[in-house]
PDB file of N, CA and C in Angstrom:
ATOM      1  N   MET A   1      67.424 100.745  87.151  1.00  0.00           N
ATOM      2  CA  MET A   1      68.610 101.531  86.896  1.00  0.00           C
ATOM      3  C   MET A   1      69.843 100.670  87.123  1.00  0.00           C
ATOM      4  N   MET A   2      70.761 100.660  86.195  1.00  0.00           N
ATOM      5  CA  MET A   2      71.966  99.836  86.293  1.00  0.00           C
ATOM      6  C   MET A   2      73.083 100.621  86.960  1.00  0.00           C
ATOM      7  N   ASP A   3      73.855  99.931  87.772  1.00  0.00           N
ATOM      8  CA  ASP A   3      75.048 100.536  88.343  1.00  0.00           C
ATOM      9  C   ASP A   3      76.119 100.576  87.268  1.00  0.00           C
ATOM     10  N   ILE A   4      76.905 101.610  87.275  1.00  0.00           N
ATOM     11  CA  ILE A   4      77.977 101.740  86.291  1.00  0.00           C
ATOM     12  C   ILE A   4      79.289 101.336  86.946  1.00  0.00           C
ATOM     13  N   ILE A   5      79.985 100.436  86.297  1.00  0.00           N
ATOM     14  CA  ILE A   5      81.292  99.999  86.761  1.00  0.00           C
ATOM     15  C   ILE A   5      82.330 100.735  85.918  1.00  0.00           C
ATOM     16  N   ALA A   6      83.288 101.326  86.568  1.00  0.00           N
ATOM     17  CA  ALA A   6      84.332 102.051  85.852  1.00  0.00           C
ATOM     18  C   ALA A   6      85.642 101.875  86.598  1.00  0.00           C
ATOM     19  N   GLY A   7      86.742 102.024  85.883  1.00  0.00           N
ATOM     20  CA  GLY A   7      88.048 101.965  86.505  1.00  0.00           C
ATOM     21  C   GLY A   7      88.896 100.830  85.965  1.00  0.00           C
ATOM     22  N   LEU A   8      89.866 100.445  86.751  1.00  0.00           N
ATOM     23  CA  LEU A   8      90.830  99.417  86.360  1.00  0.00           C
ATOM     24  C   LEU A   8      90.281  98.032  86.688  1.00  0.00           C
ATOM     25  N   LEU A   9      90.392  97.124  85.736  1.00  0.00           N
ATOM     26  CA  LEU A   9      89.949  95.748  85.917  1.00  0.00           C
ATOM     27  C   LEU A   9      91.076  94.827  85.475  1.00  0.00           C
ATOM     28  N   LEU A  10      91.483  93.910  86.345  1.00  0.00           N
ATOM     29  CA  LEU A  10      92.531  92.959  86.003  1.00  0.00           C
ATOM     30  C   LEU A  10      91.900  91.672  85.518  1.00  0.00           C
ATOM     31  N   GLY A  11      92.386  91.157  84.414  1.00  0.00           N
ATOM     32  CA  GLY A  11      91.870  89.918  83.861  1.00  0.00           C
ATOM     33  C   GLY A  11      93.012  88.985  83.496  1.00  0.00           C
ATOM     34  N   ASP A  12      92.665  87.757  83.150  1.00  0.00           N
ATOM     35  CA  ASP A  12      93.700  86.826  82.728  1.00  0.00           C
ATOM     36  C   ASP A  12      93.775  86.803  81.207  1.00  0.00           C
ATOM     37  N   LYS A  13      94.582  85.902  80.670  1.00  0.00           N
ATOM     38  CA  LYS A  13      94.816  85.872  79.230  1.00  0.00           C
ATOM     39  C   LYS A  13      93.576  85.505  78.428  1.00  0.00           C
ATOM     40  N   GLY A  14      92.548  84.995  79.071  1.00  0.00           N
ATOM     41  CA  GLY A  14      91.311  84.679  78.381  1.00  0.00           C
ATOM     42  C   GLY A  14      90.570  85.920  77.888  1.00  0.00           C
ATOM     43  N   TYR A  15      90.912  87.080  78.431  1.00  0.00           N
ATOM     44  CA  TYR A  15      90.251  88.329  78.058  1.00  0.00           C
ATOM     45  C   TYR A  15      91.161  89.218  77.205  1.00  0.00           C
ATOM     46  N   ILE A  16      92.088  88.619  76.488  1.00  0.00           N
ATOM     47  CA  ILE A  16      93.105  89.368  75.766  1.00  0.00           C
ATOM     48  C   ILE A  16      92.633  89.915  74.420  1.00  0.00           C
ATOM     49  N   ARG A  17      91.474  89.470  73.931  1.00  0.00           N
ATOM     50  CA  ARG A  17      90.987  89.902  72.616  1.00  0.00           C
ATOM     51  C   ARG A  17      90.870  91.426  72.534  1.00  0.00           C
ATOM     52  N   PRO A  18      91.406  92.044  71.488  1.00  0.00           N
ATOM     53  CA  PRO A  18      91.321  93.509  71.350  1.00  0.00           C
ATOM     54  C   PRO A  18      89.878  94.015  71.280  1.00  0.00           C
ATOM     55  N   GLU A  19      88.970  93.243  70.672  1.00  0.00           N
ATOM     56  CA  GLU A  19      87.578  93.679  70.581  1.00  0.00           C
ATOM     57  C   GLU A  19      86.956  93.784  71.977  1.00  0.00           C
ATOM     58  N   PHE A  20      87.283  92.836  72.836  1.00  0.00           N
ATOM     59  CA  PHE A  20      86.749  92.847  74.198  1.00  0.00           C
ATOM     60  C   PHE A  20      87.286  94.047  74.970  1.00  0.00           C
ATOM     61  N   LYS A  21      88.576  94.337  74.795  1.00  0.00           N
ATOM     62  CA  LYS A  21      89.164  95.495  75.466  1.00  0.00           C
ATOM     63  C   LYS A  21      88.523  96.793  74.981  1.00  0.00           C
ATOM     64  N   GLU A  22      88.224  96.870  73.696  1.00  0.00           N
ATOM     65  CA  GLU A  22      87.571  98.063  73.160  1.00  0.00           C
ATOM     66  C   GLU A  22      86.160  98.223  73.726  1.00  0.00           C
ATOM     67  N   ASP A  23      85.437  97.113  73.826  1.00  0.00           N
ATOM     68  CA  ASP A  23      84.096  97.165  74.423  1.00  0.00           C
ATOM     69  C   ASP A  23      84.173  97.664  75.867  1.00  0.00           C
ATOM     70  N   CYS A  24      85.145  97.173  76.609  1.00  0.00           N
ATOM     71  CA  CYS A  24      85.320  97.608  77.999  1.00  0.00           C
ATOM     72  C   CYS A  24      85.696  99.081  78.059  1.00  0.00           C
ATOM     73  N   ARG A  25      86.580  99.494  77.176  1.00  0.00           N
ATOM     74  CA  ARG A  25      87.001 100.895  77.157  1.00  0.00           C
ATOM     75  C   ARG A  25      85.796 101.807  76.884  1.00  0.00           C
ATOM     76  N   GLY A  26      84.891 101.369  76.005  1.00  0.00           N
ATOM     77  CA  GLY A  26      83.692 102.144  75.720  1.00  0.00           C
ATOM     78  C   GLY A  26      82.782 102.284  76.929  1.00  0.00           C
ATOM     79  N   LEU A  27      82.876 101.340  77.877  1.00  0.00           N
ATOM     80  CA  LEU A  27      82.076 101.391  79.106  1.00  0.00           C
ATOM     81  C   LEU A  27      82.799 102.076  80.258  1.00  0.00           C
ATOM     82  N   GLY A  28      84.021 102.567  80.001  1.00  0.00           N
ATOM     83  CA  GLY A  28      84.781 103.248  81.037  1.00  0.00           C
ATOM     84  C   GLY A  28      85.625 102.315  81.889  1.00  0.00           C
ATOM     85  N   ILE A  29      85.897 101.109  81.377  1.00  0.00           N
ATOM     86  CA  ILE A  29      86.684 100.120  82.112  1.00  0.00           C
ATOM     87  C   ILE A  29      88.045  99.967  81.439  1.00  0.00           C
ATOM     88  N   ASP A  30      89.098 100.095  82.222  1.00  0.00           N
ATOM     89  CA  ASP A  30      90.457  99.890  81.727  1.00  0.00           C
ATOM     90  C   ASP A  30      90.857  98.457  82.033  1.00  0.00           C
ATOM     91  N   LEU A  31      90.682  97.570  81.076  1.00  0.00           N
ATOM     92  CA  LEU A  31      90.988  96.151  81.253  1.00  0.00           C
ATOM     93  C   LEU A  31      92.466  95.910  80.999  1.00  0.00           C
ATOM     94  N   GLN A  32      93.155  95.370  81.998  1.00  0.00           N
ATOM     95  CA  GLN A  32      94.574  95.053  81.881  1.00  0.00           C
ATOM     96  C   GLN A  32      94.752  93.552  82.019  1.00  0.00           C
ATOM     97  N   THR A  33      95.407  92.947  81.038  1.00  0.00           N
ATOM     98  CA  THR A  33      95.663  91.510  81.048  1.00  0.00           C
ATOM     99  C   THR A  33      97.138  91.267  80.806  1.00  0.00           C
ATOM    100  N   PRO A  34      97.661  90.132  81.274  1.00  0.00           N
ATOM    101  CA  PRO A  34      99.026  89.783  80.888  1.00  0.00           C
ATOM    102  C   PRO A  34      99.047  89.441  79.401  1.00  0.00           C
ATOM    103  N   LEU A  35     100.151  89.728  78.757  1.00  0.00           N
ATOM    104  CA  LEU A  35     100.265  89.440  77.334  1.00  0.00           C
ATOM    105  C   LEU A  35     100.960  88.108  77.109  1.00  0.00           C
ATOM    106  N   ARG A  36     100.745  87.550  75.936  1.00  0.00           N
ATOM    107  CA  ARG A  36     101.438  86.311  75.576  1.00  0.00           C
ATOM    108  C   ARG A  36     102.898  86.620  75.322  1.00  0.00           C
ATOM    109  N   LYS A  37     103.725  85.587  75.340  1.00  0.00           N
ATOM    110  CA  LYS A  37     105.168  85.774  75.197  1.00  0.00           C
ATOM    111  C   LYS A  37     105.546  86.390  73.858  1.00  0.00           C
ATOM    112  N   ASN A  38     104.768  86.120  72.810  1.00  0.00           N
ATOM    113  CA  ASN A  38     105.116  86.634  71.490  1.00  0.00           C
ATOM    114  C   ASN A  38     104.533  88.027  71.220  1.00  0.00           C
ATOM    115  N   MET A  39     103.912  88.656  72.205  1.00  0.00           N
ATOM    116  CA  MET A  39     103.307  89.969  72.041  1.00  0.00           C
ATOM    117  C   MET A  39     104.212  91.042  72.650  1.00  0.00           C
ATOM    118  N   LYS A  40     104.246  92.201  71.995  1.00  0.00           N
ATOM    119  CA  LYS A  40     105.057  93.318  72.479  1.00  0.00           C
ATOM    120  C   LYS A  40     104.257  94.089  73.527  1.00  0.00           C
ATOM    121  N   ASP A  41     104.885  94.388  74.641  1.00  0.00           N
ATOM    122  CA  ASP A  41     104.227  95.102  75.730  1.00  0.00           C
ATOM    123  C   ASP A  41     104.766  96.524  75.794  1.00  0.00           C
ATOM    124  N   ASP A  42     103.905  97.504  75.519  1.00  0.00           N
ATOM    125  CA  ASP A  42     104.294  98.917  75.535  1.00  0.00           C
ATOM    126  C   ASP A  42     104.071  99.573  76.888  1.00  0.00           C
ATOM    127  N   ARG A  43     103.501  98.836  77.832  1.00  0.00           N
ATOM    128  CA  ARG A  43     103.243  99.396  79.156  1.00  0.00           C
ATOM    129  C   ARG A  43     104.550  99.517  79.934  1.00  0.00           C
ATOM    130  N   PRO A  44     104.623 100.486  80.850  1.00  0.00           N
ATOM    131  CA  PRO A  44     105.839 100.608  81.672  1.00  0.00           C
ATOM    132  C   PRO A  44     106.064  99.343  82.503  1.00  0.00           C
ATOM    133  N   LYS A  45     107.316  98.950  82.625  1.00  0.00           N
ATOM    134  CA  LYS A  45     107.662  97.727  83.375  1.00  0.00           C
ATOM    135  C   LYS A  45     107.181  97.798  84.821  1.00  0.00           C
ATOM    136  N   SER A  46     107.249  98.968  85.424  1.00  0.00           N
ATOM    137  CA  SER A  46     106.826  99.099  86.828  1.00  0.00           C
ATOM    138  C   SER A  46     105.319  98.848  86.957  1.00  0.00           C
ATOM    139  N   PHE A  47     104.525  99.301  85.976  1.00  0.00           N
ATOM    140  CA  PHE A  47     103.085  99.072  85.999  1.00  0.00           C
ATOM    141  C   PHE A  47     102.774  97.589  85.849  1.00  0.00           C
ATOM    142  N   VAL A  48     103.447  96.931  84.924  1.00  0.00           N
ATOM    143  CA  VAL A  48     103.240  95.496  84.705  1.00  0.00           C
ATOM    144  C   VAL A  48     103.605  94.719  85.964  1.00  0.00           C
ATOM    145  N   LYS A  49     104.679  95.123  86.615  1.00  0.00           N
ATOM    146  CA  LYS A  49     105.113  94.460  87.842  1.00  0.00           C
ATOM    147  C   LYS A  49     104.071  94.592  88.946  1.00  0.00           C
ATOM    148  N   VAL A  50     103.480  95.771  89.082  1.00  0.00           N
ATOM    149  CA  VAL A  50     102.462  95.999  90.110  1.00  0.00           C
ATOM    150  C   VAL A  50     101.213  95.171  89.830  1.00  0.00           C
ATOM    151  N   ILE A  51     100.719  95.186  88.585  1.00  0.00           N
ATOM    152  CA  ILE A  51      99.492  94.440  88.319  1.00  0.00           C
ATOM    153  C   ILE A  51      99.722  92.939  88.428  1.00  0.00           C
ATOM    154  N   MET A  52     100.905  92.459  88.114  1.00  0.00           N
ATOM    155  CA  MET A  52     101.180  91.030  88.271  1.00  0.00           C
ATOM    156  C   MET A  52     101.254  90.653  89.747  1.00  0.00           C
ATOM    157  N   ARG A  53     101.796  91.542  90.574  1.00  0.00           N
ATOM    158  CA  ARG A  53     101.845  91.280  92.017  1.00  0.00           C
ATOM    159  C   ARG A  53     100.432  91.245  92.609  1.00  0.00           C
ATOM    160  N   VAL A  54      99.577  92.166  92.169  1.00  0.00           N
ATOM    161  CA  VAL A  54      98.193  92.196  92.648  1.00  0.00           C
ATOM    162  C   VAL A  54      97.452  90.944  92.189  1.00  0.00           C
ATOM    163  N   ARG A  55      97.628  90.557  90.924  1.00  0.00           N
ATOM    164  CA  ARG A  55      96.986  89.344  90.413  1.00  0.00           C
ATOM    165  C   ARG A  55      97.434  88.111  91.193  1.00  0.00           C
ATOM    166  N   ARG A  56      98.714  88.029  91.519  1.00  0.00           N
ATOM    167  CA  ARG A  56      99.234  86.895  92.285  1.00  0.00           C
ATOM    168  C   ARG A  56      98.593  86.842  93.661  1.00  0.00           C
ATOM    169  N   ARG A  57      98.417  87.987  94.300  1.00  0.00           N
ATOM    170  CA  ARG A  57      97.774  88.039  95.619  1.00  0.00           C
ATOM    171  C   ARG A  57      96.318  87.593  95.516  1.00  0.00           C
ATOM    172  N   ILE A  58      95.613  88.070  94.491  1.00  0.00           N
ATOM    173  CA  ILE A  58      94.211  87.696  94.299  1.00  0.00           C
ATOM    174  C   ILE A  58      94.087  86.197  94.087  1.00  0.00           C
ATOM    175  N   GLU A  59      94.952  85.633  93.252  1.00  0.00           N
ATOM    176  CA  GLU A  59      94.888  84.199  92.986  1.00  0.00           C
ATOM    177  C   GLU A  59      95.227  83.376  94.229  1.00  0.00           C
ATOM    178  N   THR A  60      96.133  83.884  95.063  1.00  0.00           N
ATOM    179  CA  THR A  60      96.464  83.204  96.314  1.00  0.00           C
ATOM    180  C   THR A  60      95.262  83.182  97.254  1.00  0.00           C
ATOM    181  N   VAL A  61      94.594  84.312  97.383  1.00  0.00           N
ATOM    182  CA  VAL A  61      93.420  84.387  98.262  1.00  0.00           C
ATOM    183  C   VAL A  61      92.308  83.485  97.745  1.00  0.00           C
ATOM    184  N   ILE A  62      92.078  83.482  96.436  1.00  0.00           N
ATOM    185  CA  ILE A  62      91.055  82.596  95.866  1.00  0.00           C
ATOM    186  C   ILE A  62      91.412  81.138  96.148  1.00  0.00           C
ATOM    187  N   GLY A  63      92.685  80.789  96.016  1.00  0.00           N
ATOM    188  CA  GLY A  63      93.118  79.423  96.326  1.00  0.00           C
ATOM    189  C   GLY A  63      92.902  79.071  97.790  1.00  0.00           C
ATOM    190  N   GLN A  64      93.189  80.010  98.692  1.00  0.00           N
ATOM    191  CA  GLN A  64      92.954  79.764 100.111  1.00  0.00           C
ATOM    192  C   GLN A  64      91.475  79.583 100.407  1.00  0.00           C
ATOM    193  N   LEU A  65      90.641  80.416  99.817  1.00  0.00           N
ATOM    194  CA  LEU A  65      89.202  80.290 100.030  1.00  0.00           C
ATOM    195  C   LEU A  65      88.688  78.952  99.508  1.00  0.00           C
ATOM    196  N   ALA A  66      89.266  78.486  98.413  1.00  0.00           N
ATOM    197  CA  ALA A  66      88.822  77.214  97.836  1.00  0.00           C
ATOM    198  C   ALA A  66      89.326  76.021  98.653  1.00  0.00           C
ATOM    199  N   GLU A  67      90.594  76.050  99.072  1.00  0.00           N
ATOM    200  CA  GLU A  67      91.183  74.898  99.756  1.00  0.00           C
ATOM    201  C   GLU A  67      90.882  74.869 101.246  1.00  0.00           C
ATOM    202  N   GLN A  68      91.186  75.945 101.940  1.00  0.00           N
ATOM    203  CA  GLN A  68      91.077  75.945 103.392  1.00  0.00           C
ATOM    204  C   GLN A  68      89.656  76.199 103.883  1.00  0.00           C
ATOM    205  N   PHE A  69      88.902  77.008 103.149  1.00  0.00           N
ATOM    206  CA  PHE A  69      87.560  77.365 103.598  1.00  0.00           C
ATOM    207  C   PHE A  69      86.472  76.666 102.788  1.00  0.00           C
ATOM    208  N   GLU A  70      86.868  75.901 101.779  1.00  0.00           N
ATOM    209  CA  GLU A  70      85.935  75.155 100.925  1.00  0.00           C
ATOM    210  C   GLU A  70      84.772  76.033 100.472  1.00  0.00           C
ATOM    211  N   ILE A  71      85.084  77.193  99.937  1.00  0.00           N
ATOM    212  CA  ILE A  71      84.038  78.139  99.554  1.00  0.00           C
ATOM    213  C   ILE A  71      83.242  77.658  98.344  1.00  0.00           C
ATOM    214  N   GLU A  72      83.792  76.721  97.599  1.00  0.00           N
ATOM    215  CA  GLU A  72      83.087  76.210  96.428  1.00  0.00           C
ATOM    216  C   GLU A  72      81.959  75.257  96.805  1.00  0.00           C
ATOM    217  N   ARG A  73      82.014  74.707  98.030  1.00  0.00           N
ATOM    218  CA  ARG A  73      80.961  73.793  98.494  1.00  0.00           C
ATOM    219  C   ARG A  73      80.248  74.424  99.673  1.00  0.00           C
ATOM    220  N   CYS A  74      79.052  74.874  99.451  1.00  0.00           N
ATOM    221  CA  CYS A  74      78.274  75.474 100.541  1.00  0.00           C
ATOM    222  C   CYS A  74      77.140  74.566 101.003  1.00  0.00           C
ATOM    223  N   ARG A  75      76.715  73.656 100.141  1.00  0.00           N
ATOM    224  CA  ARG A  75      75.632  72.717 100.460  1.00  0.00           C
ATOM    225  C   ARG A  75      74.418  73.428 101.056  1.00  0.00           C
ATOM    226  N   CYS A  76      73.862  74.329 100.286  1.00  0.00           N
ATOM    227  CA  CYS A  76      72.696  75.099 100.722  1.00  0.00           C
ATOM    228  C   CYS A  76      71.541  74.851  99.768  1.00  0.00           C
ATOM    229  N   ARG A  77      70.348  75.050 100.299  1.00  0.00           N
ATOM    230  CA  ARG A  77      69.151  74.873  99.471  1.00  0.00           C
ATOM    231  C   ARG A  77      68.537  76.197  99.049  1.00  0.00           C
ATOM    232  N   ASP A  78      68.921  77.276  99.702  1.00  0.00           N
ATOM    233  CA  ASP A  78      68.348  78.562  99.314  1.00  0.00           C
ATOM    234  C   ASP A  78      69.419  79.651  99.366  1.00  0.00           C
ATOM    235  N   ARG A  79      69.071  80.775  98.790  1.00  0.00           N
ATOM    236  CA  ARG A  79      70.019  81.872  98.649  1.00  0.00           C
ATOM    237  C   ARG A  79      70.422  82.461 100.006  1.00  0.00           C
ATOM    238  N   TRP A  80      69.496  82.544 100.955  1.00  0.00           N
ATOM    239  CA  TRP A  80      69.789  83.117 102.265  1.00  0.00           C
ATOM    240  C   TRP A  80      70.909  82.346 102.966  1.00  0.00           C
ATOM    241  N   HIS A  81      70.787  81.031 103.018  1.00  0.00           N
ATOM    242  CA  HIS A  81      71.803  80.233 103.693  1.00  0.00           C
ATOM    243  C   HIS A  81      73.124  80.247 102.926  1.00  0.00           C
ATOM    244  N   MET A  82      73.054  80.268 101.599  1.00  0.00           N
ATOM    245  CA  MET A  82      74.280  80.318 100.817  1.00  0.00           C
ATOM    246  C   MET A  82      75.043  81.616 101.082  1.00  0.00           C
ATOM    247  N   THR A  83      74.346  82.748 101.042  1.00  0.00           N
ATOM    248  CA  THR A  83      75.037  84.020 101.256  1.00  0.00           C
ATOM    249  C   THR A  83      75.572  84.133 102.679  1.00  0.00           C
ATOM    250  N   SER A  84      74.849  83.620 103.655  1.00  0.00           N
ATOM    251  CA  SER A  84      75.356  83.716 105.027  1.00  0.00           C
ATOM    252  C   SER A  84      76.569  82.815 105.233  1.00  0.00           C
ATOM    253  N   ARG A  85      76.589  81.647 104.622  1.00  0.00           N
ATOM    254  CA  ARG A  85      77.758  80.766 104.747  1.00  0.00           C
ATOM    255  C   ARG A  85      78.969  81.352 104.045  1.00  0.00           C
ATOM    256  N   ILE A  86      78.758  81.914 102.866  1.00  0.00           N
ATOM    257  CA  ILE A  86      79.868  82.548 102.153  1.00  0.00           C
ATOM    258  C   ILE A  86      80.371  83.754 102.941  1.00  0.00           C
ATOM    259  N   ALA A  87      79.462  84.527 103.507  1.00  0.00           N
ATOM    260  CA  ALA A  87      79.862  85.691 104.313  1.00  0.00           C
ATOM    261  C   ALA A  87      80.688  85.256 105.520  1.00  0.00           C
ATOM    262  N   ARG A  88      80.310  84.156 106.185  1.00  0.00           N
ATOM    263  CA  ARG A  88      81.088  83.663 107.329  1.00  0.00           C
ATOM    264  C   ARG A  88      82.480  83.219 106.896  1.00  0.00           C
ATOM    265  N   LYS A  89      82.584  82.583 105.741  1.00  0.00           N
ATOM    266  CA  LYS A  89      83.891  82.131 105.261  1.00  0.00           C
ATOM    267  C   LYS A  89      84.780  83.325 104.903  1.00  0.00           C
ATOM    268  N   LEU A  90      84.194  84.338 104.281  1.00  0.00           N
ATOM    269  CA  LEU A  90      84.963  85.549 103.975  1.00  0.00           C
ATOM    270  C   LEU A  90      85.377  86.270 105.253  1.00  0.00           C
ATOM    271  N   LEU A  91      84.486  86.317 106.235  1.00  0.00           N
ATOM    272  CA  LEU A  91      84.811  86.933 107.519  1.00  0.00           C
ATOM    273  C   LEU A  91      85.937  86.167 108.213  1.00  0.00           C
ATOM    274  N   ALA A  92      85.903  84.850 108.157  1.00  0.00           N
ATOM    275  CA  ALA A  92      86.972  84.052 108.773  1.00  0.00           C
ATOM    276  C   ALA A  92      88.309  84.337 108.099  1.00  0.00           C
ATOM    277  N   HIS A  93      88.301  84.475 106.784  1.00  0.00           N
ATOM    278  CA  HIS A  93      89.544  84.796 106.067  1.00  0.00           C
ATOM    279  C   HIS A  93      90.047  86.176 106.472  1.00  0.00           C
ATOM    280  N   ASN A  94      89.146  87.140 106.534  1.00  0.00           N
ATOM    281  CA  ASN A  94      89.538  88.493 106.933  1.00  0.00           C
ATOM    282  C   ASN A  94      90.040  88.543 108.371  1.00  0.00           C
ATOM    283  N   MET A  95      89.409  87.783 109.259  1.00  0.00           N
ATOM    284  CA  MET A  95      89.868  87.738 110.655  1.00  0.00           C
ATOM    285  C   MET A  95      91.256  87.114 110.754  1.00  0.00           C
ATOM    286  N   GLY A  96      91.498  86.071 109.973  1.00  0.00           N
ATOM    287  CA  GLY A  96      92.832  85.473 109.953  1.00  0.00           C
ATOM    288  C   GLY A  96      93.877  86.465 109.486  1.00  0.00           C
ATOM    289  N   SER A  97      93.543  87.245 108.465  1.00  0.00           N
ATOM    290  CA  SER A  97      94.470  88.280 107.980  1.00  0.00           C
ATOM    291  C   SER A  97      94.705  89.339 109.050  1.00  0.00           C
ATOM    292  N   TYR A  98      93.639  89.745 109.723  1.00  0.00           N
ATOM    293  CA  TYR A  98      93.769  90.743 110.784  1.00  0.00           C
ATOM    294  C   TYR A  98      94.651  90.238 111.920  1.00  0.00           C
ATOM    295  N   LEU A  99      94.434  88.992 112.338  1.00  0.00           N
ATOM    296  CA  LEU A  99      95.250  88.430 113.424  1.00  0.00           C
ATOM    297  C   LEU A  99      96.716  88.321 113.015  1.00  0.00           C
ATOM    298  N   ASN A 100      96.974  87.959 111.766  1.00  0.00           N
ATOM    299  CA  ASN A 100      98.355  87.907 111.287  1.00  0.00           C
ATOM    300  C   ASN A 100      98.991  89.285 111.293  1.00  0.00           C
ATOM    301  N   ILE A 101      98.274  90.277 110.820  1.00  0.00           N
ATOM    302  CA  ILE A 101      98.815  91.639 110.806  1.00  0.00           C
ATOM    303  C   ILE A 101      99.067  92.112 112.233  1.00  0.00           C
ATOM    304  N   SER A 102      98.146  91.798 113.152  1.00  0.00           N
ATOM    305  CA  SER A 102      98.324  92.184 114.557  1.00  0.00           C
ATOM    306  C   SER A 102      99.542  91.516 115.178  1.00  0.00           C
ATOM    307  N   ALA A 103      99.846  90.296 114.721  1.00  0.00           N
ATOM    308  CA  ALA A 103     101.000  89.571 115.244  1.00  0.00           C
ATOM    309  C   ALA A 103     102.290  89.918 114.503  1.00  0.00           C
ATOM    310  N   GLY A 104     102.199  90.813 113.509  1.00  0.00           N
ATOM    311  CA  GLY A 104     103.388  91.209 112.761  1.00  0.00           C
ATOM    312  C   GLY A 104     103.809  90.205 111.704  1.00  0.00           C
ATOM    313  N   LYS A 105     102.893  89.375 111.270  1.00  0.00           N
ATOM    314  CA  LYS A 105     103.189  88.362 110.250  1.00  0.00           C
ATOM    315  C   LYS A 105     102.594  88.786 108.917  1.00  0.00           C
ATOM    316  N   ALA A 106     102.930  88.036 107.885  1.00  0.00           N
ATOM    317  CA  ALA A 106     102.363  88.297 106.562  1.00  0.00           C
ATOM    318  C   ALA A 106     100.849  88.060 106.615  1.00  0.00           C
ATOM    319  N   PRO A 107     100.050  88.909 105.972  1.00  0.00           N
ATOM    320  CA  PRO A 107      98.590  88.844 106.126  1.00  0.00           C
ATOM    321  C   PRO A 107      97.938  87.536 105.708  1.00  0.00           C
ATOM    322  N   ILE A 108      98.462  86.844 104.712  1.00  0.00           N
ATOM    323  CA  ILE A 108      97.754  85.671 104.223  1.00  0.00           C
ATOM    324  C   ILE A 108      98.520  84.370 104.481  1.00  0.00           C
ATOM    325  N   GLN A 109      99.429  84.374 105.433  1.00  0.00           N
ATOM    326  CA  GLN A 109     100.156  83.159 105.822  1.00  0.00           C
ATOM    327  C   GLN A 109      99.447  82.523 107.004  1.00  0.00           C
ATOM    328  N   PHE A 110      98.426  81.723 106.721  1.00  0.00           N
ATOM    329  CA  PHE A 110      97.596  81.161 107.783  1.00  0.00           C
ATOM    330  C   PHE A 110      98.194  79.898 108.411  1.00  0.00           C
ATOM    331  N   GLU A 111      99.208  79.322 107.812  1.00  0.00           N
ATOM    332  CA  GLU A 111      99.760  78.068 108.338  1.00  0.00           C
ATOM    333  C   GLU A 111     100.311  78.242 109.748  1.00  0.00           C
ATOM    334  N   SER A 112     100.914  79.384 110.028  1.00  0.00           N
ATOM    335  CA  SER A 112     101.516  79.596 111.360  1.00  0.00           C
ATOM    336  C   SER A 112     100.602  80.370 112.303  1.00  0.00           C
ATOM    337  N   LEU A 113      99.358  80.604 111.894  1.00  0.00           N
ATOM    338  CA  LEU A 113      98.456  81.402 112.726  1.00  0.00           C
ATOM    339  C   LEU A 113      98.072  80.666 114.002  1.00  0.00           C
ATOM    340  N   ILE A 114      97.721  79.396 113.884  1.00  0.00           N
ATOM    341  CA  ILE A 114      97.349  78.582 115.038  1.00  0.00           C
ATOM    342  C   ILE A 114      98.356  77.455 115.158  1.00  0.00           C
ATOM    343  N   ALA A 115      99.029  77.429 116.271  1.00  0.00           N
ATOM    344  CA  ALA A 115     100.036  76.399 116.492  1.00  0.00           C
ATOM    345  C   ALA A 115      99.749  75.708 117.825  1.00  0.00           C
ATOM    346  N   ALA A 116      99.835  74.395 117.823  1.00  0.00           N
ATOM    347  CA  ALA A 116      99.658  73.639 119.066  1.00  0.00           C
ATOM    348  C   ALA A 116     100.917  73.725 119.890  1.00  0.00           C
ATOM    349  N   ALA A 117     100.755  73.888 121.176  1.00  0.00           N
ATOM    350  CA  ALA A 117     101.921  74.015 122.058  1.00  0.00           C
ATOM    351  C   ALA A 117     102.363  72.680 122.591  1.00  0.00           C
TER     352      ALA A 117
END
């Protein structure tokens, strides 16, 4: 039995094809992508602003996971060790966000989280 995915999905300009959006719509997925500069955008400006802010946050977190936590290199030989290493890296990122929020700082600003005295 397959799980059904439905709802809003944010994508990049690589998923801008109208046929792909129609296929997603048929599956119950509302695919939202940024448009090219020469395309007319009929969506409300406030909606576009929100999805662009969310996309920027997602891309920032992915960049942090790649650079600071080296999530792209796990050096594992089996699935068990790979998933546990990835889970630890995600947990470390979440803990850093939690500590920042507890300290009243921005959630994903890890540069000032640990400072030498």
